[in-house]
PDB file of N, CA and C in Angstrom:
ATOM      1  N   MET A   1      -9.134  20.820   1.129  1.00  0.00           N
ATOM      2  CA  MET A   1     -10.042  21.242   3.068  1.00  0.00           C
ATOM      3  C   MET A   1      -9.769  19.783   3.183  1.00  0.00           C
ATOM      4  N   ARG A   2      -9.775  19.244   4.680  1.00  0.00           N
ATOM      5  CA  ARG A   2     -10.725  18.348   5.115  1.00  0.00           C
ATOM      6  C   ARG A   2     -12.172  18.130   5.605  1.00  0.00           C
ATOM      7  N   ILE A   3     -12.485  17.202   5.649  1.00  0.00           N
ATOM      8  CA  ILE A   3     -13.511  16.973   6.112  1.00  0.00           C
ATOM      9  C   ILE A   3     -13.629  15.909   7.060  1.00  0.00           C
ATOM     10  N   PRO A   4     -14.052  16.309   8.506  1.00  0.00           N
ATOM     11  CA  PRO A   4     -14.102  15.341   9.285  1.00  0.00           C
ATOM     12  C   PRO A   4     -14.883  14.101   8.994  1.00  0.00           C
ATOM     13  N   ARG A   5     -14.396  13.115   9.928  1.00  0.00           N
ATOM     14  CA  ARG A   5     -16.018  11.611   9.211  1.00  0.00           C
ATOM     15  C   ARG A   5     -15.950  10.693  10.420  1.00  0.00           C
ATOM     16  N   ARG A   6     -15.650  11.549  11.102  1.00  0.00           N
ATOM     17  CA  ARG A   6     -16.553  10.876  12.962  1.00  0.00           C
ATOM     18  C   ARG A   6     -15.816   9.314  12.762  1.00  0.00           C
ATOM     19  N   GLY A   7     -14.226   9.442  12.850  1.00  0.00           N
ATOM     20  CA  GLY A   7     -13.313   8.728  13.290  1.00  0.00           C
ATOM     21  C   GLY A   7     -13.146   7.547  12.168  1.00  0.00           C
ATOM     22  N   THR A   8     -13.840   7.393  10.703  1.00  0.00           N
ATOM     23  CA  THR A   8     -13.584   7.100  10.244  1.00  0.00           C
ATOM     24  C   THR A   8     -12.770   7.784   8.704  1.00  0.00           C
ATOM     25  N   SER A   9     -11.706   6.578   8.179  1.00  0.00           N
ATOM     26  CA  SER A   9     -11.067   7.425   6.956  1.00  0.00           C
ATOM     27  C   SER A   9     -11.023   6.401   5.934  1.00  0.00           C
ATOM     28  N   LEU A  10     -10.602   6.958   4.983  1.00  0.00           N
ATOM     29  CA  LEU A  10     -10.830   6.607   3.569  1.00  0.00           C
ATOM     30  C   LEU A  10      -9.573   6.019   3.516  1.00  0.00           C
ATOM     31  N   THR A  11      -9.080   4.351   2.470  1.00  0.00           N
ATOM     32  CA  THR A  11      -8.001   4.236   2.352  1.00  0.00           C
ATOM     33  C   THR A  11      -7.894   4.615   0.885  1.00  0.00           C
ATOM     34  N   HIS A  12      -6.854   4.785   0.684  1.00  0.00           N
ATOM     35  CA  HIS A  12      -6.422   5.168  -0.900  1.00  0.00           C
ATOM     36  C   HIS A  12      -5.152   4.219  -1.493  1.00  0.00           C
ATOM     37  N   LEU A  13      -5.160   4.309  -2.498  1.00  0.00           N
ATOM     38  CA  LEU A  13      -4.223   3.726  -3.285  1.00  0.00           C
ATOM     39  C   LEU A  13      -3.715   4.171  -4.271  1.00  0.00           C
ATOM     40  N   ASN A  14      -2.475   4.882  -4.809  1.00  0.00           N
ATOM     41  CA  ASN A  14      -2.243   5.692  -5.466  1.00  0.00           C
ATOM     42  C   ASN A  14      -2.764   7.270  -5.639  1.00  0.00           C
ATOM     43  N   GLY A  15      -3.537   7.739  -4.482  1.00  0.00           N
ATOM     44  CA  GLY A  15      -4.129   8.835  -4.648  1.00  0.00           C
ATOM     45  C   GLY A  15      -5.894   8.598  -5.301  1.00  0.00           C
ATOM     46  N   ARG A  16      -6.063   7.450  -5.199  1.00  0.00           N
ATOM     47  CA  ARG A  16      -7.344   6.764  -5.601  1.00  0.00           C
ATOM     48  C   ARG A  16      -8.540   5.779  -4.522  1.00  0.00           C
ATOM     49  N   VAL A  17      -9.323   6.486  -4.225  1.00  0.00           N
ATOM     50  CA  VAL A  17      -9.974   5.399  -2.819  1.00  0.00           C
ATOM     51  C   VAL A  17     -10.074   4.600  -3.884  1.00  0.00           C
ATOM     52  N   VAL A  18     -10.076   3.788  -2.791  1.00  0.00           N
ATOM     53  CA  VAL A  18     -10.292   1.940  -2.646  1.00  0.00           C
ATOM     54  C   VAL A  18     -11.561   1.625  -1.656  1.00  0.00           C
ATOM     55  N   MET A  19     -12.683   1.040  -3.127  1.00  0.00           N
ATOM     56  CA  MET A  19     -13.642   0.411  -3.171  1.00  0.00           C
ATOM     57  C   MET A  19     -14.029  -0.585  -3.528  1.00  0.00           C
ATOM     58  N   LYS A  20     -13.075  -1.365  -3.901  1.00  0.00           N
ATOM     59  CA  LYS A  20     -13.361  -2.647  -4.093  1.00  0.00           C
ATOM     60  C   LYS A  20     -11.793  -3.093  -3.937  1.00  0.00           C
ATOM     61  N   THR A  21     -12.130  -4.939  -3.800  1.00  0.00           N
ATOM     62  CA  THR A  21     -10.424  -5.432  -3.973  1.00  0.00           C
ATOM     63  C   THR A  21      -9.357  -4.968  -5.102  1.00  0.00           C
ATOM     64  N   LEU A  22      -8.711  -4.790  -4.847  1.00  0.00           N
ATOM     65  CA  LEU A  22      -7.422  -4.113  -5.979  1.00  0.00           C
ATOM     66  C   LEU A  22      -6.167  -4.839  -5.984  1.00  0.00           C
ATOM     67  N   GLU A  23      -5.432  -4.983  -6.714  1.00  0.00           N
ATOM     68  CA  GLU A  23      -3.884  -5.736  -6.860  1.00  0.00           C
ATOM     69  C   GLU A  23      -2.938  -4.767  -6.689  1.00  0.00           C
ATOM     70  N   VAL A  24      -2.677  -4.918  -5.676  1.00  0.00           N
ATOM     71  CA  VAL A  24      -0.955  -3.905  -5.110  1.00  0.00           C
ATOM     72  C   VAL A  24       0.245  -4.094  -5.574  1.00  0.00           C
ATOM     73  N   VAL A  25       0.875  -3.546  -6.391  1.00  0.00           N
ATOM     74  CA  VAL A  25       2.379  -3.825  -6.721  1.00  0.00           C
ATOM     75  C   VAL A  25       3.028  -2.730  -6.428  1.00  0.00           C
ATOM     76  N   PRO A  26       4.256  -3.601  -6.519  1.00  0.00           N
ATOM     77  CA  PRO A  26       5.644  -3.138  -5.820  1.00  0.00           C
ATOM     78  C   PRO A  26       5.451  -1.137  -6.097  1.00  0.00           C
ATOM     79  N   ARG A  27       6.019  -0.541  -5.129  1.00  0.00           N
ATOM     80  CA  ARG A  27       6.018   0.692  -5.514  1.00  0.00           C
ATOM     81  C   ARG A  27       4.590   1.909  -5.622  1.00  0.00           C
ATOM     82  N   ALA A  28       3.845   1.243  -4.583  1.00  0.00           N
ATOM     83  CA  ALA A  28       2.139   0.941  -4.786  1.00  0.00           C
ATOM     84  C   ALA A  28       2.173   2.475  -3.514  1.00  0.00           C
ATOM     85  N   GLU A  29       1.744   3.106  -3.567  1.00  0.00           N
ATOM     86  CA  GLU A  29       1.806   4.096  -1.890  1.00  0.00           C
ATOM     87  C   GLU A  29       0.328   4.285  -1.817  1.00  0.00           C
ATOM     88  N   ILE A  30       0.235   3.586  -0.531  1.00  0.00           N
ATOM     89  CA  ILE A  30      -1.164   3.186   0.417  1.00  0.00           C
ATOM     90  C   ILE A  30      -1.543   4.107   1.273  1.00  0.00           C
ATOM     91  N   GLN A  31      -2.288   5.216   0.915  1.00  0.00           N
ATOM     92  CA  GLN A  31      -2.557   6.216   2.300  1.00  0.00           C
ATOM     93  C   GLN A  31      -3.974   5.751   2.997  1.00  0.00           C
ATOM     94  N   LEU A  32      -3.284   5.572   4.718  1.00  0.00           N
ATOM     95  CA  LEU A  32      -4.203   5.138   5.893  1.00  0.00           C
ATOM     96  C   LEU A  32      -4.071   6.418   6.454  1.00  0.00           C
ATOM     97  N   GLY A  33      -5.564   6.951   6.413  1.00  0.00           N
ATOM     98  CA  GLY A  33      -5.785   8.500   7.360  1.00  0.00           C
ATOM     99  C   GLY A  33      -4.604   9.288   6.498  1.00  0.00           C
ATOM    100  N   GLU A  34      -3.859   9.621   7.723  1.00  0.00           N
ATOM    101  CA  GLU A  34      -2.911  10.252   7.283  1.00  0.00           C
ATOM    102  C   GLU A  34      -1.281  10.068   6.693  1.00  0.00           C
ATOM    103  N   THR A  35      -1.184   8.837   7.306  1.00  0.00           N
ATOM    104  CA  THR A  35      -0.059   7.940   7.293  1.00  0.00           C
ATOM    105  C   THR A  35      -0.098   7.499   5.651  1.00  0.00           C
ATOM    106  N   THR A  36       1.250   7.644   4.698  1.00  0.00           N
ATOM    107  CA  THR A  36       1.117   7.249   3.204  1.00  0.00           C
ATOM    108  C   THR A  36       2.702   6.439   3.639  1.00  0.00           C
ATOM    109  N   HIS A  37       2.369   4.867   3.436  1.00  0.00           N
ATOM    110  CA  HIS A  37       2.879   4.191   2.888  1.00  0.00           C
ATOM    111  C   HIS A  37       2.956   3.598   1.564  1.00  0.00           C
ATOM    112  N   ARG A  38       4.602   3.184   1.396  1.00  0.00           N
ATOM    113  CA  ARG A  38       4.923   2.575  -0.017  1.00  0.00           C
ATOM    114  C   ARG A  38       5.159   1.600   0.028  1.00  0.00           C
ATOM    115  N   PHE A  39       4.315   0.268  -0.685  1.00  0.00           N
ATOM    116  CA  PHE A  39       4.614  -1.180  -0.501  1.00  0.00           C
ATOM    117  C   PHE A  39       5.448  -1.615  -1.392  1.00  0.00           C
ATOM    118  N   GLN A  40       6.482  -2.790  -0.547  1.00  0.00           N
ATOM    119  CA  GLN A  40       7.758  -3.211  -1.795  1.00  0.00           C
ATOM    120  C   GLN A  40       7.629  -4.512  -1.690  1.00  0.00           C
ATOM    121  N   ALA A  41       7.405  -5.520  -2.659  1.00  0.00           N
ATOM    122  CA  ALA A  41       7.658  -6.309  -2.750  1.00  0.00           C
ATOM    123  C   ALA A  41       9.315  -7.290  -2.279  1.00  0.00           C
ATOM    124  N   PHE A  42       9.393  -8.090  -1.259  1.00  0.00           N
ATOM    125  CA  PHE A  42      10.707  -8.304  -1.001  1.00  0.00           C
ATOM    126  C   PHE A  42      10.895  -9.593  -1.898  1.00  0.00           C
ATOM    127  N   CYS A  43      10.208 -10.478  -2.859  1.00  0.00           N
ATOM    128  CA  CYS A  43       9.892 -10.991  -3.553  1.00  0.00           C
ATOM    129  C   CYS A  43       8.803 -11.087  -4.659  1.00  0.00           C
ATOM    130  N   SER A  44       9.439 -11.621  -5.883  1.00  0.00           N
ATOM    131  CA  SER A  44       8.769 -11.605  -6.799  1.00  0.00           C
ATOM    132  C   SER A  44       9.204 -11.993  -7.590  1.00  0.00           C
ATOM    133  N   ARG A  45       8.948 -12.320  -9.157  1.00  0.00           N
ATOM    134  CA  ARG A  45       9.566 -12.601 -10.173  1.00  0.00           C
ATOM    135  C   ARG A  45      10.753 -12.290 -10.623  1.00  0.00           C
ATOM    136  N   GLU A  46      11.204 -10.712 -10.024  1.00  0.00           N
ATOM    137  CA  GLU A  46      11.954 -10.108 -10.930  1.00  0.00           C
ATOM    138  C   GLU A  46      13.003 -10.227  -9.718  1.00  0.00           C
ATOM    139  N   PHE A  47      13.038 -10.347  -8.519  1.00  0.00           N
ATOM    140  CA  PHE A  47      13.454 -10.490  -7.201  1.00  0.00           C
ATOM    141  C   PHE A  47      12.778 -11.448  -6.442  1.00  0.00           C
ATOM    142  N   ASP A  48      14.058 -12.404  -5.784  1.00  0.00           N
ATOM    143  CA  ASP A  48      14.209 -13.331  -5.148  1.00  0.00           C
ATOM    144  C   ASP A  48      15.237 -13.306  -3.694  1.00  0.00           C
ATOM    145  N   TRP A  49      15.154 -13.472  -2.038  1.00  0.00           N
ATOM    146  CA  TRP A  49      16.177 -14.005  -1.720  1.00  0.00           C
ATOM    147  C   TRP A  49      17.328 -14.803  -2.183  1.00  0.00           C
ATOM    148  N   PRO A  50      18.209 -14.703  -1.984  1.00  0.00           N
ATOM    149  CA  PRO A  50      19.280 -15.773  -2.438  1.00  0.00           C
ATOM    150  C   PRO A  50      19.097 -17.072  -0.880  1.00  0.00           C
ATOM    151  N   ASP A  51      19.622 -18.345  -1.199  1.00  0.00           N
ATOM    152  CA  ASP A  51      19.516 -18.948  -0.396  1.00  0.00           C
ATOM    153  C   ASP A  51      20.751 -18.907   0.501  1.00  0.00           C
ATOM    154  N   VAL A  52      20.745 -18.568   1.884  1.00  0.00           N
ATOM    155  CA  VAL A  52      21.335 -18.813   2.682  1.00  0.00           C
ATOM    156  C   VAL A  52      22.101 -20.198   3.521  1.00  0.00           C
ATOM    157  N   ASP A  53      23.232 -20.288   3.978  1.00  0.00           N
ATOM    158  CA  ASP A  53      23.383 -21.717   4.037  1.00  0.00           C
ATOM    159  C   ASP A  53      24.052 -21.036   5.803  1.00  0.00           C
ATOM    160  N   ASP A  54      23.180 -21.663   6.961  1.00  0.00           N
ATOM    161  CA  ASP A  54      23.563 -21.217   8.185  1.00  0.00           C
ATOM    162  C   ASP A  54      24.928 -22.288   7.969  1.00  0.00           C
TER     163      ASP A  54
END
């Protein structure tokens, strides 16, 4: 059941309400209102874009 919040909505990270600063890790699900996003880091210790010569 959804309860209206007068124009405000809570942000969720992996299904839990965000009430403080948290680290977002690759493949984390971020829900903003009715929209869910999946975070994917484009660079990390495991992956980096190769140098490209133009």
